[in-house]
C-alpha atoms as a PDB file:
ATOM      1  CA  MET A   1      85.816 111.865 107.042  1.00  0.00           C
ATOM      2  CA  PRO A   2      83.132 111.851 109.759  1.00  0.00           C
ATOM      3  CA  ILE A   3      81.409 108.581 110.524  1.00  0.00           C
ATOM      4  CA  ARG A   4      77.820 108.400 109.330  1.00  0.00           C
ATOM      5  CA  HIS A   5      75.639 107.046 112.111  1.00  0.00           C
ATOM      6  CA  ASN A   6      73.670 104.312 110.387  1.00  0.00           C
ATOM      7  CA  LEU A   7      70.363 103.334 111.906  1.00  0.00           C
ATOM      8  CA  PHE A   8      69.613  99.712 111.094  1.00  0.00           C
ATOM      9  CA  PHE A   9      72.411  97.175 110.906  1.00  0.00           C
ATOM     10  CA  PRO A  10      71.873  93.918 112.832  1.00  0.00           C
ATOM     11  CA  ARG A  11      74.807  91.543 112.910  1.00  0.00           C
ATOM     12  CA  LEU A  12      74.410  88.938 110.191  1.00  0.00           C
ATOM     13  CA  SER A  13      75.765  85.420 110.483  1.00  0.00           C
ATOM     14  CA  SER A  14      78.261  84.232 107.918  1.00  0.00           C
ATOM     15  CA  SER A  15      79.794  80.857 107.178  1.00  0.00           C
ATOM     16  CA  ARG A  16      82.114  82.173 104.499  1.00  0.00           C
ATOM     17  CA  SER A  17      85.755  81.222 104.853  1.00  0.00           C
ATOM     18  CA  PRO A  18      88.629  83.089 103.164  1.00  0.00           C
ATOM     19  CA  ALA A  19      90.318  81.633 100.113  1.00  0.00           C
ATOM     20  CA  PRO A  20      94.047  81.757  99.507  1.00  0.00           C
ATOM     21  CA  ARG A  21      95.594  84.739  97.705  1.00  0.00           C
ATOM     22  CA  SER A  22      95.914  83.501  94.146  1.00  0.00           C
ATOM     23  CA  CYS A  23      95.958  86.221  91.488  1.00  0.00           C
ATOM     24  CA  SER A  24      96.557  89.883  90.774  1.00  0.00           C
ATOM     25  CA  ALA A  25      93.830  92.513  90.689  1.00  0.00           C
ATOM     26  CA  ARG A  26      93.940  92.628  86.884  1.00  0.00           C
ATOM     27  CA  GLN A  27      93.640  88.843  86.720  1.00  0.00           C
ATOM     28  CA  ARG A  28      90.778  88.918  89.195  1.00  0.00           C
ATOM     29  CA  ARG A  29      88.765  91.176  86.927  1.00  0.00           C
ATOM     30  CA  SER A  30      89.330  88.859  83.986  1.00  0.00           C
ATOM     31  CA  LEU A  31      88.003  85.958  86.060  1.00  0.00           C
ATOM     32  CA  LEU A  32      84.766  87.623  87.078  1.00  0.00           C
ATOM     33  CA  ALA A  33      82.886  85.926  84.279  1.00  0.00           C
ATOM     34  CA  LEU A  34      83.572  82.722  86.180  1.00  0.00           C
ATOM     35  CA  ALA A  35      82.489  84.144  89.512  1.00  0.00           C
ATOM     36  CA  LEU A  36      78.894  83.247  88.704  1.00  0.00           C
ATOM     37  CA  LEU A  37      79.938  79.643  89.126  1.00  0.00           C
ATOM     38  CA  GLY A  38      81.053  80.123  92.699  1.00  0.00           C
ATOM     39  CA  VAL A  39      83.412  82.169  94.819  1.00  0.00           C
ATOM     40  CA  LEU A  40      84.761  81.723  98.332  1.00  0.00           C
ATOM     41  CA  GLY A  41      82.979  78.687  99.599  1.00  0.00           C
ATOM     42  CA  THR A  42      79.754  78.810  97.578  1.00  0.00           C
ATOM     43  CA  SER A  43      79.917  76.508  94.557  1.00  0.00           C
ATOM     44  CA  VAL A  44      77.099  77.003  92.104  1.00  0.00           C
ATOM     45  CA  ALA A  45      75.805  75.244  89.049  1.00  0.00           C
ATOM     46  CA  PRO A  46      75.638  76.864  85.615  1.00  0.00           C
ATOM     47  CA  SER A  47      72.745  79.272  85.173  1.00  0.00           C
ATOM     48  CA  PRO A  48      69.767  78.231  83.001  1.00  0.00           C
ATOM     49  CA  MET A  49      71.039  80.571  80.265  1.00  0.00           C
ATOM     50  CA  GLN A  50      74.248  78.598  79.766  1.00  0.00           C
ATOM     51  CA  ALA A  51      74.540  75.912  77.102  1.00  0.00           C
ATOM     52  CA  HIS A  52      74.691  72.788  79.242  1.00  0.00           C
ATOM     53  CA  ALA A  53      72.599  69.661  78.931  1.00  0.00           C
ATOM     54  CA  GLU A  54      69.588  69.382  81.203  1.00  0.00           C
ATOM     55  CA  PRO A  55      69.717  66.683  83.913  1.00  0.00           C
ATOM     56  CA  ALA A  56      68.184  63.449  82.684  1.00  0.00           C
ATOM     57  CA  SER A  57      65.612  63.542  85.484  1.00  0.00           C
ATOM     58  CA  GLY A  58      64.450  67.016  84.500  1.00  0.00           C
ATOM     59  CA  GLU A  59      65.129  68.314  88.003  1.00  0.00           C
ATOM     60  CA  VAL A  60      66.360  71.818  88.576  1.00  0.00           C
ATOM     61  CA  ARG A  61      70.117  72.057  88.946  1.00  0.00           C
ATOM     62  CA  THR A  62      70.924  73.023  92.516  1.00  0.00           C
ATOM     63  CA  LEU A  63      73.560  75.494  93.584  1.00  0.00           C
ATOM     64  CA  GLU A  64      75.261  72.668  95.436  1.00  0.00           C
ATOM     65  CA  SER A  65      76.784  71.174  92.290  1.00  0.00           C
ATOM     66  CA  SER A  66      80.550  71.238  92.653  1.00  0.00           C
ATOM     67  CA  VAL A  67      82.370  73.444  90.147  1.00  0.00           C
ATOM     68  CA  ASP A  68      86.065  74.215  90.421  1.00  0.00           C
ATOM     69  CA  THR A  69      86.731  77.886  89.701  1.00  0.00           C
ATOM     70  CA  PRO A  70      89.534  80.276  90.625  1.00  0.00           C
ATOM     71  CA  ALA A  71      88.864  82.093  93.894  1.00  0.00           C
ATOM     72  CA  LEU A  72      89.150  85.844  94.214  1.00  0.00           C
ATOM     73  CA  ASP A  73      91.501  87.264  96.788  1.00  0.00           C
ATOM     74  CA  PRO A  74      89.398  87.786  99.952  1.00  0.00           C
ATOM     75  CA  VAL A  75      91.748  90.560 101.173  1.00  0.00           C
ATOM     76  CA  GLU A  76      91.939  89.389 104.770  1.00  0.00           C
ATOM     77  CA  GLN A  77      93.294  92.735 105.932  1.00  0.00           C
ATOM     78  CA  LEU A  78      92.551  96.016 104.221  1.00  0.00           C
ATOM     79  CA  PRO A  79      95.850  97.671 103.275  1.00  0.00           C
ATOM     80  CA  ASP A  80      96.562 101.082 104.753  1.00  0.00           C
ATOM     81  CA  LEU A  81      95.393 103.245 101.886  1.00  0.00           C
ATOM     82  CA  ARG A  82      96.660 106.341 103.680  1.00  0.00           C
ATOM     83  CA  GLN A  83     100.049 105.381 102.257  1.00  0.00           C
ATOM     84  CA  HIS A  84      98.719 106.480  98.873  1.00  0.00           C
ATOM     85  CA  PRO A  85      98.436 110.234  98.285  1.00  0.00           C
ATOM     86  CA  ALA A  86      94.853 111.491  98.438  1.00  0.00           C
ATOM     87  CA  GLY A  87      93.432 111.874  94.961  1.00  0.00           C
ATOM     88  CA  PRO A  88      93.735 109.715  91.838  1.00  0.00           C
ATOM     89  CA  GLU A  89      96.338 107.314  93.261  1.00  0.00           C
ATOM     90  CA  ARG A  90      94.337 106.493  96.402  1.00  0.00           C
ATOM     91  CA  LYS A  91      91.100 106.258  94.444  1.00  0.00           C
ATOM     92  CA  ALA A  92      92.668 103.829  91.991  1.00  0.00           C
ATOM     93  CA  ALA A  93      94.038 101.640  94.799  1.00  0.00           C
ATOM     94  CA  PHE A  94      90.656 101.582  96.537  1.00  0.00           C
ATOM     95  CA  LEU A  95      88.705 100.742  93.390  1.00  0.00           C
ATOM     96  CA  GLU A  96      91.246  98.132  92.287  1.00  0.00           C
ATOM     97  CA  LEU A  97      90.569  96.366  95.575  1.00  0.00           C
ATOM     98  CA  LEU A  98      86.821  96.829  95.977  1.00  0.00           C
ATOM     99  CA  VAL A  99      85.232  96.664  92.533  1.00  0.00           C
ATOM    100  CA  PRO A 100      86.153  92.994  91.812  1.00  0.00           C
ATOM    101  CA  LEU A 101      84.825  91.965  95.242  1.00  0.00           C
ATOM    102  CA  VAL A 102      81.485  93.716  94.711  1.00  0.00           C
ATOM    103  CA  GLU A 103      81.156  92.161  91.276  1.00  0.00           C
ATOM    104  CA  ALA A 104      81.947  88.703  92.645  1.00  0.00           C
ATOM    105  CA  GLU A 105      79.324  88.974  95.401  1.00  0.00           C
ATOM    106  CA  ASN A 106      76.759  90.297  92.938  1.00  0.00           C
ATOM    107  CA  ALA A 107      77.586  87.360  90.651  1.00  0.00           C
ATOM    108  CA  LYS A 108      76.849  84.895  93.447  1.00  0.00           C
ATOM    109  CA  ILE A 109      73.514  86.575  94.113  1.00  0.00           C
ATOM    110  CA  GLN A 110      72.695  86.503  90.402  1.00  0.00           C
ATOM    111  CA  ALA A 111      73.449  82.771  90.330  1.00  0.00           C
ATOM    112  CA  GLN A 112      70.993  82.238  93.176  1.00  0.00           C
ATOM    113  CA  ARG A 113      68.412  84.347  91.368  1.00  0.00           C
ATOM    114  CA  ASP A 114      68.850  82.389  88.127  1.00  0.00           C
ATOM    115  CA  TRP A 115      68.320  79.164  90.055  1.00  0.00           C
ATOM    116  CA  LEU A 116      65.144  80.557  91.635  1.00  0.00           C
ATOM    117  CA  LEU A 117      63.741  81.646  88.282  1.00  0.00           C
ATOM    118  CA  GLU A 118      64.288  78.166  86.877  1.00  0.00           C
ATOM    119  CA  ALA A 119      62.919  76.468  89.988  1.00  0.00           C
ATOM    120  CA  ARG A 120      59.787  78.624  89.882  1.00  0.00           C
ATOM    121  CA  GLU A 121      59.025  77.291  86.415  1.00  0.00           C
ATOM    122  CA  ARG A 122      59.328  73.693  87.654  1.00  0.00           C
ATOM    123  CA  GLN A 123      57.696  73.915  91.061  1.00  0.00           C
ATOM    124  CA  ALA A 124      55.657  70.754  90.560  1.00  0.00           C
ATOM    125  CA  SER A 125      58.710  68.625  89.797  1.00  0.00           C
ATOM    126  CA  LEU A 126      61.327  69.878  92.248  1.00  0.00           C
ATOM    127  CA  SER A 127      63.544  67.107  93.564  1.00  0.00           C
ATOM    128  CA  ALA A 128      64.254  66.563  97.248  1.00  0.00           C
ATOM    129  CA  ALA A 129      67.628  68.269  96.786  1.00  0.00           C
ATOM    130  CA  ASP A 130      65.930  71.215  95.091  1.00  0.00           C
ATOM    131  CA  ARG A 131      63.419  71.573  97.920  1.00  0.00           C
ATOM    132  CA  GLU A 132      66.188  71.368 100.503  1.00  0.00           C
ATOM    133  CA  HIS A 133      68.122  74.094  98.734  1.00  0.00           C
ATOM    134  CA  LEU A 134      64.997  76.237  98.532  1.00  0.00           C
ATOM    135  CA  GLN A 135      64.547  75.862 102.286  1.00  0.00           C
ATOM    136  CA  ARG A 136      68.103  77.065 102.847  1.00  0.00           C
ATOM    137  CA  LEU A 137      67.533  80.115 100.664  1.00  0.00           C
ATOM    138  CA  CYS A 138      64.336  80.899 102.559  1.00  0.00           C
ATOM    139  CA  ALA A 139      66.185  80.685 105.868  1.00  0.00           C
ATOM    140  CA  ASP A 140      69.090  82.793 104.608  1.00  0.00           C
ATOM    141  CA  TYR A 141      66.825  85.526 103.265  1.00  0.00           C
ATOM    142  CA  GLY A 142      64.261  85.489 106.075  1.00  0.00           C
ATOM    143  CA  ILE A 143      61.329  84.170 104.028  1.00  0.00           C
ATOM    144  CA  GLU A 144      58.737  81.589 105.096  1.00  0.00           C
ATOM    145  CA  CYS A 145      58.850  78.701 102.644  1.00  0.00           C
ATOM    146  CA  GLY A 146      55.786  76.801 101.508  1.00  0.00           C
ATOM    147  CA  THR A 147      53.462  79.740 100.852  1.00  0.00           C
ATOM    148  CA  PRO A 148      51.910  80.565  97.451  1.00  0.00           C
ATOM    149  CA  ASN A 149      54.156  83.625  97.242  1.00  0.00           C
ATOM    150  CA  THR A 150      57.431  82.032  98.342  1.00  0.00           C
ATOM    151  CA  PHE A 151      59.184  82.524  95.013  1.00  0.00           C
ATOM    152  CA  GLU A 152      57.952  86.096  94.577  1.00  0.00           C
ATOM    153  CA  TYR A 153      59.068  87.041  98.081  1.00  0.00           C
ATOM    154  CA  LEU A 154      62.460  85.426  97.554  1.00  0.00           C
ATOM    155  CA  LEU A 155      62.986  87.039  94.162  1.00  0.00           C
ATOM    156  CA  SER A 156      62.290  90.452  95.677  1.00  0.00           C
ATOM    157  CA  ARG A 157      65.272  89.872  97.973  1.00  0.00           C
ATOM    158  CA  VAL A 158      67.626  87.672  95.981  1.00  0.00           C
ATOM    159  CA  ASP A 159      68.789  90.310  93.533  1.00  0.00           C
ATOM    160  CA  THR A 160      71.894  92.329  92.769  1.00  0.00           C
ATOM    161  CA  LEU A 161      72.599  95.963  93.612  1.00  0.00           C
ATOM    162  CA  PRO A 162      74.168  98.550  91.290  1.00  0.00           C
ATOM    163  CA  LEU A 163      77.958  98.476  91.445  1.00  0.00           C
ATOM    164  CA  GLU A 164      78.225 102.265  91.498  1.00  0.00           C
ATOM    165  CA  MET A 165      75.844 102.620  94.455  1.00  0.00           C
ATOM    166  CA  VAL A 166      77.689 100.003  96.501  1.00  0.00           C
ATOM    167  CA  VAL A 167      81.065 101.585  95.813  1.00  0.00           C
ATOM    168  CA  ILE A 168      80.071 105.186  96.505  1.00  0.00           C
ATOM    169  CA  GLN A 169      78.516 104.149  99.809  1.00  0.00           C
ATOM    170  CA  ALA A 170      81.805 102.492 100.719  1.00  0.00           C
ATOM    171  CA  VAL A 171      83.612 105.672  99.667  1.00  0.00           C
ATOM    172  CA  GLU A 172      81.410 107.868 101.839  1.00  0.00           C
ATOM    173  CA  GLU A 173      81.279 105.561 104.860  1.00  0.00           C
ATOM    174  CA  SER A 174      85.003 104.738 104.910  1.00  0.00           C
ATOM    175  CA  GLY A 175      86.669 107.809 103.402  1.00  0.00           C
ATOM    176  CA  TRP A 176      88.096 105.833 100.492  1.00  0.00           C
ATOM    177  CA  GLY A 177      89.031 103.012 102.862  1.00  0.00           C
ATOM    178  CA  THR A 178      90.959 105.141 105.364  1.00  0.00           C
ATOM    179  CA  SER A 179      88.568 105.233 108.344  1.00  0.00           C
ATOM    180  CA  ARG A 180      89.531 103.462 111.564  1.00  0.00           C
ATOM    181  CA  PHE A 181      86.670 100.985 111.193  1.00  0.00           C
ATOM    182  CA  ALA A 182      87.841 100.155 107.677  1.00  0.00           C
ATOM    183  CA  ARG A 183      91.489  99.778 108.677  1.00  0.00           C
ATOM    184  CA  GLN A 184      90.914  97.849 111.914  1.00  0.00           C
ATOM    185  CA  GLY A 185      87.742  95.951 111.070  1.00  0.00           C
ATOM    186  CA  ASN A 186      87.504  95.709 107.262  1.00  0.00           C
ATOM    187  CA  ASN A 187      84.220  97.593 107.700  1.00  0.00           C
ATOM    188  CA  LEU A 188      83.754  99.762 104.620  1.00  0.00           C
ATOM    189  CA  PHE A 189      80.046 100.470 105.032  1.00  0.00           C
ATOM    190  CA  GLY A 190      79.617 101.739 108.589  1.00  0.00           C
ATOM    191  CA  LEU A 191      77.854  98.513 109.566  1.00  0.00           C
ATOM    192  CA  ARG A 192      76.923  98.610 113.232  1.00  0.00           C
ATOM    193  CA  CYS A 193      76.562  95.837 115.799  1.00  0.00           C
ATOM    194  CA  PHE A 194      74.479  95.908 118.960  1.00  0.00           C
ATOM    195  CA  SER A 195      75.557  93.142 121.330  1.00  0.00           C
ATOM    196  CA  GLU A 196      77.612  94.130 124.355  1.00  0.00           C
ATOM    197  CA  GLY A 197      81.314  94.391 123.586  1.00  0.00           C
ATOM    198  CA  CYS A 198      80.934  93.514 119.918  1.00  0.00           C
ATOM    199  CA  GLY A 199      83.108  94.856 117.139  1.00  0.00           C
ATOM    200  CA  LEU A 200      84.849  98.204 117.476  1.00  0.00           C
ATOM    201  CA  ALA A 201      83.758 101.066 119.710  1.00  0.00           C
ATOM    202  CA  GLN A 202      83.322 104.558 118.340  1.00  0.00           C
ATOM    203  CA  LYS A 203      85.395 106.959 120.388  1.00  0.00           C
ATOM    204  CA  GLY A 204      83.264 109.177 122.597  1.00  0.00           C
ATOM    205  CA  SER A 205      80.092 107.228 121.831  1.00  0.00           C
ATOM    206  CA  SER A 206      78.276 104.071 122.892  1.00  0.00           C
ATOM    207  CA  ARG A 207      77.944 103.004 119.258  1.00  0.00           C
ATOM    208  CA  ARG A 208      79.846  99.942 118.106  1.00  0.00           C
ATOM    209  CA  TYR A 209      80.713  98.858 114.589  1.00  0.00           C
ATOM    210  CA  GLN A 210      81.179  95.388 113.177  1.00  0.00           C
ATOM    211  CA  ARG A 211      84.556  93.803 112.595  1.00  0.00           C
ATOM    212  CA  PHE A 212      84.919  91.505 109.568  1.00  0.00           C
ATOM    213  CA  ASP A 213      87.465  88.813 108.787  1.00  0.00           C
ATOM    214  CA  SER A 214      87.881  90.095 105.223  1.00  0.00           C
ATOM    215  CA  VAL A 215      86.821  92.931 102.969  1.00  0.00           C
ATOM    216  CA  GLN A 216      84.715  90.503 100.944  1.00  0.00           C
ATOM    217  CA  GLU A 217      82.827  89.486 104.074  1.00  0.00           C
ATOM    218  CA  SER A 218      82.057  93.157 104.665  1.00  0.00           C
ATOM    219  CA  VAL A 219      80.707  93.477 101.120  1.00  0.00           C
ATOM    220  CA  ALA A 220      78.610  90.326 101.485  1.00  0.00           C
ATOM    221  CA  HIS A 221      77.067  91.514 104.761  1.00  0.00           C
ATOM    222  CA  TYR A 222      76.253  94.918 103.299  1.00  0.00           C
ATOM    223  CA  LEU A 223      74.464  93.378 100.300  1.00  0.00           C
ATOM    224  CA  HIS A 224      72.609  90.895 102.484  1.00  0.00           C
ATOM    225  CA  ASN A 225      71.508  93.645 104.845  1.00  0.00           C
ATOM    226  CA  LEU A 226      70.013  95.770 102.074  1.00  0.00           C
ATOM    227  CA  ASN A 227      68.373  92.675 100.607  1.00  0.00           C
ATOM    228  CA  THR A 228      66.737  91.517 103.842  1.00  0.00           C
ATOM    229  CA  HIS A 229      66.288  94.235 106.467  1.00  0.00           C
ATOM    230  CA  ARG A 230      62.878  95.880 106.833  1.00  0.00           C
ATOM    231  CA  ALA A 231      64.539  99.308 106.773  1.00  0.00           C
ATOM    232  CA  TYR A 232      65.280  98.844 103.068  1.00  0.00           C
ATOM    233  CA  LEU A 233      61.908  97.545 101.909  1.00  0.00           C
ATOM    234  CA  SER A 234      61.425 100.642  99.749  1.00  0.00           C
ATOM    235  CA  LEU A 235      64.729  99.932  97.987  1.00  0.00           C
ATOM    236  CA  ARG A 236      63.642  96.381  97.184  1.00  0.00           C
ATOM    237  CA  GLN A 237      60.223  97.557  96.009  1.00  0.00           C
ATOM    238  CA  LYS A 238      61.766 100.175  93.726  1.00  0.00           C
ATOM    239  CA  ARG A 239      64.207  97.629  92.313  1.00  0.00           C
ATOM    240  CA  ALA A 240      61.425  95.109  91.680  1.00  0.00           C
ATOM    241  CA  ALA A 241      59.279  97.733  89.952  1.00  0.00           C
ATOM    242  CA  LEU A 242      62.123  98.770  87.668  1.00  0.00           C
ATOM    243  CA  THR A 243      62.846  95.135  86.819  1.00  0.00           C
ATOM    244  CA  ALA A 244      59.182  94.378  86.121  1.00  0.00           C
ATOM    245  CA  ASN A 245      59.001  97.351  83.753  1.00  0.00           C
ATOM    246  CA  GLY A 246      62.156  96.313  81.941  1.00  0.00           C
ATOM    247  CA  GLU A 247      64.001  99.423  83.104  1.00  0.00           C
ATOM    248  CA  PRO A 248      67.642  99.448  84.218  1.00  0.00           C
ATOM    249  CA  VAL A 249      68.263  99.311  87.960  1.00  0.00           C
ATOM    250  CA  ALA A 250      70.670 102.217  88.214  1.00  0.00           C
ATOM    251  CA  ALA A 251      72.362 103.722  91.240  1.00  0.00           C
ATOM    252  CA  GLU A 252      70.555 107.024  90.685  1.00  0.00           C
ATOM    253  CA  SER A 253      67.215 105.214  90.954  1.00  0.00           C
ATOM    254  CA  LEU A 254      67.943 103.564  94.311  1.00  0.00           C
ATOM    255  CA  ILE A 255      69.935 106.186  96.201  1.00  0.00           C
ATOM    256  CA  HIS A 256      66.774 108.031  97.225  1.00  0.00           C
ATOM    257  CA  THR A 257      65.487 104.865  98.953  1.00  0.00           C
ATOM    258  CA  LEU A 258      68.393 104.896 101.439  1.00  0.00           C
ATOM    259  CA  ASP A 259      66.716 107.251 103.902  1.00  0.00           C
ATOM    260  CA  ASN A 260      67.225 104.758 106.748  1.00  0.00           C
ATOM    261  CA  TYR A 261      70.940 104.329 106.096  1.00  0.00           C
ATOM    262  CA  SER A 262      72.049 107.625 107.607  1.00  0.00           C
ATOM    263  CA  VAL A 263      70.627 110.359 109.817  1.00  0.00           C
ATOM    264  CA  SER A 264      72.400 113.026 107.766  1.00  0.00           C
ATOM    265  CA  ASP A 265      69.954 115.338 106.014  1.00  0.00           C
ATOM    266  CA  ASP A 266      72.228 115.705 103.002  1.00  0.00           C
ATOM    267  CA  TYR A 267      73.051 111.999 102.583  1.00  0.00           C
ATOM    268  CA  PHE A 268      71.312 111.671  99.207  1.00  0.00           C
ATOM    269  CA  ASP A 269      73.031 114.793  97.895  1.00  0.00           C
ATOM    270  CA  VAL A 270      76.422 113.574  99.091  1.00  0.00           C
ATOM    271  CA  LEU A 271      76.018 110.185  97.401  1.00  0.00           C
ATOM    272  CA  LEU A 272      74.745 111.696  94.165  1.00  0.00           C
ATOM    273  CA  ALA A 273      77.663 114.140  94.106  1.00  0.00           C
ATOM    274  CA  LEU A 274      80.104 111.264  94.631  1.00  0.00           C
ATOM    275  CA  LEU A 275      78.382 109.353  91.850  1.00  0.00           C
ATOM    276  CA  ARG A 276      78.656 112.258  89.416  1.00  0.00           C
ATOM    277  CA  THR A 277      82.321 112.745  90.250  1.00  0.00           C
ATOM    278  CA  ASN A 278      83.416 109.103  90.356  1.00  0.00           C
ATOM    279  CA  GLY A 279      80.869 107.086  88.365  1.00  0.00           C
ATOM    280  CA  ASP A 280      82.981 106.898  85.220  1.00  0.00           C
ATOM    281  CA  LEU A 281      86.072 105.961  87.224  1.00  0.00           C
ATOM    282  CA  ILE A 282      84.203 103.143  88.967  1.00  0.00           C
ATOM    283  CA  ARG A 283      82.979 101.789  85.644  1.00  0.00           C
ATOM    284  CA  GLN A 284      86.519 101.899  84.253  1.00  0.00           C
ATOM    285  CA  HIS A 285      87.528  99.437  86.978  1.00  0.00           C
ATOM    286  CA  SER A 286      84.582  97.156  86.238  1.00  0.00           C
ATOM    287  CA  SER A 287      84.918  93.924  84.291  1.00  0.00           C
ATOM    288  CA  ASP A 288      82.073  95.229  82.100  1.00  0.00           C
ATOM    289  CA  ASP A 289      83.883  98.392  81.022  1.00  0.00           C
ATOM    290  CA  GLY A 290      84.270  97.084  77.498  1.00  0.00           C
ATOM    291  CA  SER A 291      88.051  96.959  77.594  1.00  0.00           C
ATOM    292  CA  PRO A 292      89.946  93.821  76.540  1.00  0.00           C
ATOM    293  CA  ALA A 293      90.345  91.158  79.229  1.00  0.00           C
END
């Protein structure tokens, strides 16, 4: 599978630390309902939609509230998926690994978004802890706090991405997890780095690609990049418009906004073909597939 030469991927800082291996892939999917409460170093409070008593002070619950939840396996080293025969067996192994991690990262983003929506309604009564947390979100998502549009700008960035789109990009960029950058650097998305000597070098080229400590870190960086980088403004605008109109944010709707992800002329067609071929299979591995836990 040839490497797609992505255009805009600055190295993103991360303070995430891996959690111990604690449960099987099937168990991980059954725990994804709890992932909203915090995974891998980010503990979050219950969302406003959950049936918990409001704080006596009326302040917005911050994401810093400590909640003990099972951690998903961070997969510190991507297994060599070439050991599985190409076809259904390799696809199943790849999806069994990746889908729970994408869902967990999306759940963390959704928790942040729920907090923002609640905080926006109570702007006049935010506590000092709330304001401090808001400042951290602004810094993390590259937004200037304290402006009249702070919440709107943040909400345009702090949002989830369709599972199917994330997975098919990983499929295309890593060849179902078998590329050298995936195997040696946990880099499933062709994420580049630009500082001298960083990451992994592409053979016969000056391009270098990021190395991640875990597969989940790779997923988190990919999501953060699409949610913050100027190259993907059109994606965020399309997502916001769909949300405002009450329409589903589907992979098919956002794929055509990824023109800055690859220089390949047929990139959209390739992703859409992968989606048509593998969309149902991806959803079968999702915790929302409707099957019993």
